[in-house]
Amino acid sequence: MSEPTGQRTPRFHQLSREEAIALLARQHVGRLAFSFNDRVDIQPIHYVYEEGFLYGRTSEGAKITTIAHSRWVALEADEVRGTFDWRSVVVRGAFYRSELDGGSMEASRVAQHAVALLGTVVPATLRPGDPVEFRTVLFRISVDEISGRAAYSS
């Protein structure tokens, strides 16, 4: 069967580790997948990538309760321009909750660093004028595994 006029056959390839990290660093919204027993859930989150970790924040609730039972998560981030023009990265790693107060000095330092990084995306993070002030749970995810794929039609 011949190709329809004007359409090209898409090409798919694996992203290099460097390409995958670059995409992860450019994006700030991903989908966090987590599971407990036989239930898998996926929820959107915003994040910042830096040196082998994703930093983010969320609110208390079912996600945090579930992850407390199994800290292994996955996150997917994408750049989509068309049906056959996209890049996608999947990260697998461990979820670590960070506390500004009440934890160790190291945990507090990590939490303060998370706030500073998240402030590059939402400048009022955990300050007056914060548009999502209810998201008070800080976390980081270790990037233990990273892989990516891409499709091109040109």
C-alpha atoms as a PDB file:
ATOM      1  CA  MET A   1       0.000   0.000   0.000  1.00  0.00           C
ATOM      2  CA  SER A   2       1.412   3.375  -0.920  1.00  0.00           C
ATOM      3  CA  GLU A   3       1.713   6.387   1.343  1.00  0.00           C
ATOM      4  CA  PRO A   4      -1.069   9.028   1.024  1.00  0.00           C
ATOM      5  CA  THR A   5       0.058  12.100  -0.910  1.00  0.00           C
ATOM      6  CA  GLY A   6       1.733  14.672   1.328  1.00  0.00           C
ATOM      7  CA  GLN A   7       2.175  12.324   4.307  1.00  0.00           C
ATOM      8  CA  ARG A   8       5.509  10.932   5.337  1.00  0.00           C
ATOM      9  CA  THR A   9       6.104   7.741   7.249  1.00  0.00           C
ATOM     10  CA  PRO A  10       6.953   8.536  10.870  1.00  0.00           C
ATOM     11  CA  ARG A  11      10.346   7.603  12.277  1.00  0.00           C
ATOM     12  CA  PHE A  12      10.807   6.604  15.914  1.00  0.00           C
ATOM     13  CA  HIS A  13      13.989   6.528  17.941  1.00  0.00           C
ATOM     14  CA  GLN A  14      15.348   6.322  21.479  1.00  0.00           C
ATOM     15  CA  LEU A  15      16.542   9.572  23.007  1.00  0.00           C
ATOM     16  CA  SER A  16      20.058   9.634  24.391  1.00  0.00           C
ATOM     17  CA  ARG A  17      20.410  10.185  28.129  1.00  0.00           C
ATOM     18  CA  GLU A  18      21.529  13.767  27.414  1.00  0.00           C
ATOM     19  CA  GLU A  19      18.486  14.432  25.180  1.00  0.00           C
ATOM     20  CA  ALA A  20      16.144  12.945  27.804  1.00  0.00           C
ATOM     21  CA  ILE A  21      17.623  15.081  30.597  1.00  0.00           C
ATOM     22  CA  ALA A  22      17.425  18.200  28.406  1.00  0.00           C
ATOM     23  CA  LEU A  23      13.708  17.587  27.766  1.00  0.00           C
ATOM     24  CA  LEU A  24      13.096  16.956  31.462  1.00  0.00           C
ATOM     25  CA  ALA A  25      14.866  20.231  32.319  1.00  0.00           C
ATOM     26  CA  ARG A  26      12.870  22.238  29.720  1.00  0.00           C
ATOM     27  CA  GLN A  27       9.499  20.999  30.942  1.00  0.00           C
ATOM     28  CA  HIS A  28       7.880  21.733  34.284  1.00  0.00           C
ATOM     29  CA  VAL A  29       4.678  19.666  34.126  1.00  0.00           C
ATOM     30  CA  GLY A  30       4.602  15.892  34.147  1.00  0.00           C
ATOM     31  CA  ARG A  31       2.404  13.003  35.131  1.00  0.00           C
ATOM     32  CA  LEU A  32       3.354  11.179  38.326  1.00  0.00           C
ATOM     33  CA  ALA A  33       2.504   7.472  38.419  1.00  0.00           C
ATOM     34  CA  PHE A  34       2.377   5.626  41.729  1.00  0.00           C
ATOM     35  CA  SER A  35       0.894   2.353  42.915  1.00  0.00           C
ATOM     36  CA  PHE A  36      -0.117   0.425  45.983  1.00  0.00           C
ATOM     37  CA  ASN A  37      -1.273  -3.183  45.936  1.00  0.00           C
ATOM     38  CA  ASP A  38      -3.223  -3.627  42.680  1.00  0.00           C
ATOM     39  CA  ARG A  39      -4.072   0.039  42.079  1.00  0.00           C
ATOM     40  CA  VAL A  40      -2.070   2.389  39.855  1.00  0.00           C
ATOM     41  CA  ASP A  41      -2.825   6.097  39.699  1.00  0.00           C
ATOM     42  CA  ILE A  42      -1.445   8.953  37.585  1.00  0.00           C
ATOM     43  CA  GLN A  43      -1.718  12.632  38.486  1.00  0.00           C
ATOM     44  CA  PRO A  44      -0.247  15.780  36.932  1.00  0.00           C
ATOM     45  CA  ILE A  45       2.354  17.692  38.933  1.00  0.00           C
ATOM     46  CA  HIS A  46       4.726  20.543  38.294  1.00  0.00           C
ATOM     47  CA  TYR A  47       8.411  20.038  38.972  1.00  0.00           C
ATOM     48  CA  VAL A  48      11.908  21.360  38.422  1.00  0.00           C
ATOM     49  CA  TYR A  49      14.798  19.105  37.393  1.00  0.00           C
ATOM     50  CA  GLU A  50      18.264  19.603  38.850  1.00  0.00           C
ATOM     51  CA  GLU A  51      21.271  17.272  39.001  1.00  0.00           C
ATOM     52  CA  GLY A  52      19.571  13.895  39.190  1.00  0.00           C
ATOM     53  CA  PHE A  53      16.456  14.945  41.103  1.00  0.00           C
ATOM     54  CA  LEU A  54      12.975  16.250  40.365  1.00  0.00           C
ATOM     55  CA  TYR A  55      11.757  18.775  42.944  1.00  0.00           C
ATOM     56  CA  GLY A  56       8.078  19.504  43.396  1.00  0.00           C
ATOM     57  CA  ARG A  57       5.237  20.131  45.758  1.00  0.00           C
ATOM     58  CA  THR A  58       1.768  18.818  46.270  1.00  0.00           C
ATOM     59  CA  SER A  59      -0.940  18.797  48.912  1.00  0.00           C
ATOM     60  CA  GLU A  60      -1.783  16.264  51.600  1.00  0.00           C
ATOM     61  CA  GLY A  61      -4.184  13.593  50.425  1.00  0.00           C
ATOM     62  CA  ALA A  62      -4.539  10.166  48.863  1.00  0.00           C
ATOM     63  CA  LYS A  63      -1.406  10.531  46.703  1.00  0.00           C
ATOM     64  CA  ILE A  64       0.839  11.210  49.712  1.00  0.00           C
ATOM     65  CA  THR A  65      -0.838   8.480  51.757  1.00  0.00           C
ATOM     66  CA  THR A  66      -0.374   5.967  48.939  1.00  0.00           C
ATOM     67  CA  ILE A  67       3.251   6.924  48.286  1.00  0.00           C
ATOM     68  CA  ALA A  68       3.996   6.567  52.022  1.00  0.00           C
ATOM     69  CA  HIS A  69       3.320   2.826  51.545  1.00  0.00           C
ATOM     70  CA  SER A  70       5.419   2.492  48.399  1.00  0.00           C
ATOM     71  CA  ARG A  71       7.842   5.297  47.538  1.00  0.00           C
ATOM     72  CA  TRP A  72       8.730   3.989  44.046  1.00  0.00           C
ATOM     73  CA  VAL A  73       7.207   6.226  41.384  1.00  0.00           C
ATOM     74  CA  ALA A  74       7.479   7.083  37.709  1.00  0.00           C
ATOM     75  CA  LEU A  75       7.067  10.433  35.998  1.00  0.00           C
ATOM     76  CA  GLU A  76       6.449  11.137  32.322  1.00  0.00           C
ATOM     77  CA  ALA A  77       7.070  14.484  30.647  1.00  0.00           C
ATOM     78  CA  ASP A  78       6.382  15.243  26.986  1.00  0.00           C
ATOM     79  CA  GLU A  79       6.819  17.745  24.201  1.00  0.00           C
ATOM     80  CA  VAL A  80       4.087  17.256  21.598  1.00  0.00           C
ATOM     81  CA  ARG A  81       3.859  19.182  18.336  1.00  0.00           C
ATOM     82  CA  GLY A  82       1.763  16.680  16.390  1.00  0.00           C
ATOM     83  CA  THR A  83       0.643  13.068  16.052  1.00  0.00           C
ATOM     84  CA  PHE A  84       4.056  11.984  14.746  1.00  0.00           C
ATOM     85  CA  ASP A  85       6.142  14.855  16.077  1.00  0.00           C
ATOM     86  CA  TRP A  86       6.791  14.353  19.786  1.00  0.00           C
ATOM     87  CA  ARG A  87       9.339  13.510  22.466  1.00  0.00           C
ATOM     88  CA  SER A  88       8.576  11.710  25.707  1.00  0.00           C
ATOM     89  CA  VAL A  89      10.706  10.945  28.768  1.00  0.00           C
ATOM     90  CA  VAL A  90       9.991   8.512  31.601  1.00  0.00           C
ATOM     91  CA  VAL A  91      11.810   8.694  34.939  1.00  0.00           C
ATOM     92  CA  ARG A  92      11.697   6.006  37.600  1.00  0.00           C
ATOM     93  CA  GLY A  93      12.901   6.592  41.140  1.00  0.00           C
ATOM     94  CA  ALA A  94      12.132   7.027  44.799  1.00  0.00           C
ATOM     95  CA  PHE A  95       9.889   9.736  46.254  1.00  0.00           C
ATOM     96  CA  TYR A  96      11.289  11.608  49.269  1.00  0.00           C
ATOM     97  CA  ARG A  97       9.192  14.026  51.273  1.00  0.00           C
ATOM     98  CA  SER A  98      11.038  17.147  52.467  1.00  0.00           C
ATOM     99  CA  GLU A  99      10.160  19.229  55.517  1.00  0.00           C
ATOM    100  CA  LEU A 100      11.024  22.885  56.063  1.00  0.00           C
ATOM    101  CA  ASP A 101      10.535  22.476  59.829  1.00  0.00           C
ATOM    102  CA  GLY A 102      10.789  19.541  62.168  1.00  0.00           C
ATOM    103  CA  GLY A 103      13.213  17.434  60.177  1.00  0.00           C
ATOM    104  CA  SER A 104      16.958  17.110  60.206  1.00  0.00           C
ATOM    105  CA  MET A 105      19.195  19.976  59.095  1.00  0.00           C
ATOM    106  CA  GLU A 106      19.816  18.113  55.820  1.00  0.00           C
ATOM    107  CA  ALA A 107      16.067  17.660  55.197  1.00  0.00           C
ATOM    108  CA  SER A 108      15.484  21.338  55.930  1.00  0.00           C
ATOM    109  CA  ARG A 109      18.293  22.326  53.538  1.00  0.00           C
ATOM    110  CA  VAL A 110      16.768  20.133  50.793  1.00  0.00           C
ATOM    111  CA  ALA A 111      13.325  21.667  51.418  1.00  0.00           C
ATOM    112  CA  GLN A 112      14.706  25.204  51.229  1.00  0.00           C
ATOM    113  CA  HIS A 113      16.505  24.315  47.999  1.00  0.00           C
ATOM    114  CA  ALA A 114      13.248  22.887  46.612  1.00  0.00           C
ATOM    115  CA  VAL A 115      11.415  26.136  47.406  1.00  0.00           C
ATOM    116  CA  ALA A 116      14.134  28.156  45.647  1.00  0.00           C
ATOM    117  CA  LEU A 117      14.005  25.930  42.549  1.00  0.00           C
ATOM    118  CA  LEU A 118      10.199  25.897  42.429  1.00  0.00           C
ATOM    119  CA  GLY A 119      10.310  29.684  42.724  1.00  0.00           C
ATOM    120  CA  THR A 120      11.865  29.761  39.249  1.00  0.00           C
ATOM    121  CA  VAL A 121       8.539  28.400  37.901  1.00  0.00           C
ATOM    122  CA  VAL A 122       6.083  29.939  40.390  1.00  0.00           C
ATOM    123  CA  PRO A 123       7.858  32.964  41.903  1.00  0.00           C
ATOM    124  CA  ALA A 124       5.533  33.218  44.940  1.00  0.00           C
ATOM    125  CA  THR A 125       6.115  29.591  45.991  1.00  0.00           C
ATOM    126  CA  LEU A 126       5.189  29.329  49.700  1.00  0.00           C
ATOM    127  CA  ARG A 127       5.115  33.131  50.031  1.00  0.00           C
ATOM    128  CA  PRO A 128       2.307  35.709  50.012  1.00  0.00           C
ATOM    129  CA  GLY A 129       0.495  35.619  46.689  1.00  0.00           C
ATOM    130  CA  ASP A 130       1.186  31.899  46.109  1.00  0.00           C
ATOM    131  CA  PRO A 131      -1.503  30.793  43.617  1.00  0.00           C
ATOM    132  CA  VAL A 132      -1.521  27.244  45.051  1.00  0.00           C
ATOM    133  CA  GLU A 133      -0.840  27.954  48.713  1.00  0.00           C
ATOM    134  CA  PHE A 134      -2.539  24.674  49.725  1.00  0.00           C
ATOM    135  CA  ARG A 135       0.327  22.707  48.145  1.00  0.00           C
ATOM    136  CA  THR A 136       2.587  22.653  51.168  1.00  0.00           C
ATOM    137  CA  VAL A 137       4.169  19.205  50.818  1.00  0.00           C
ATOM    138  CA  LEU A 138       7.650  19.492  49.306  1.00  0.00           C
ATOM    139  CA  PHE A 139       9.313  16.481  47.748  1.00  0.00           C
ATOM    140  CA  ARG A 140      12.072  15.294  45.498  1.00  0.00           C
ATOM    141  CA  ILE A 141      12.279  12.235  43.298  1.00  0.00           C
ATOM    142  CA  SER A 142      15.587  10.569  42.565  1.00  0.00           C
ATOM    143  CA  VAL A 143      16.165   9.996  38.855  1.00  0.00           C
ATOM    144  CA  ASP A 144      17.306   6.388  39.160  1.00  0.00           C
ATOM    145  CA  GLU A 145      16.315   5.456  35.596  1.00  0.00           C
ATOM    146  CA  ILE A 146      15.561   7.690  32.630  1.00  0.00           C
ATOM    147  CA  SER A 147      14.532   6.783  29.116  1.00  0.00           C
ATOM    148  CA  GLY A 148      12.997   8.626  26.212  1.00  0.00           C
ATOM    149  CA  ARG A 149      11.491   8.149  22.792  1.00  0.00           C
ATOM    150  CA  ALA A 150      10.737  10.462  19.917  1.00  0.00           C
ATOM    151  CA  ALA A 151       8.745  10.444  16.689  1.00  0.00           C
ATOM    152  CA  TYR A 152       9.370  12.604  13.625  1.00  0.00           C
ATOM    153  CA  SER A 153       7.418  12.796  10.400  1.00  0.00           C
ATOM    154  CA  SER A 154       9.653  15.158   8.435  1.00  0.00           C
END
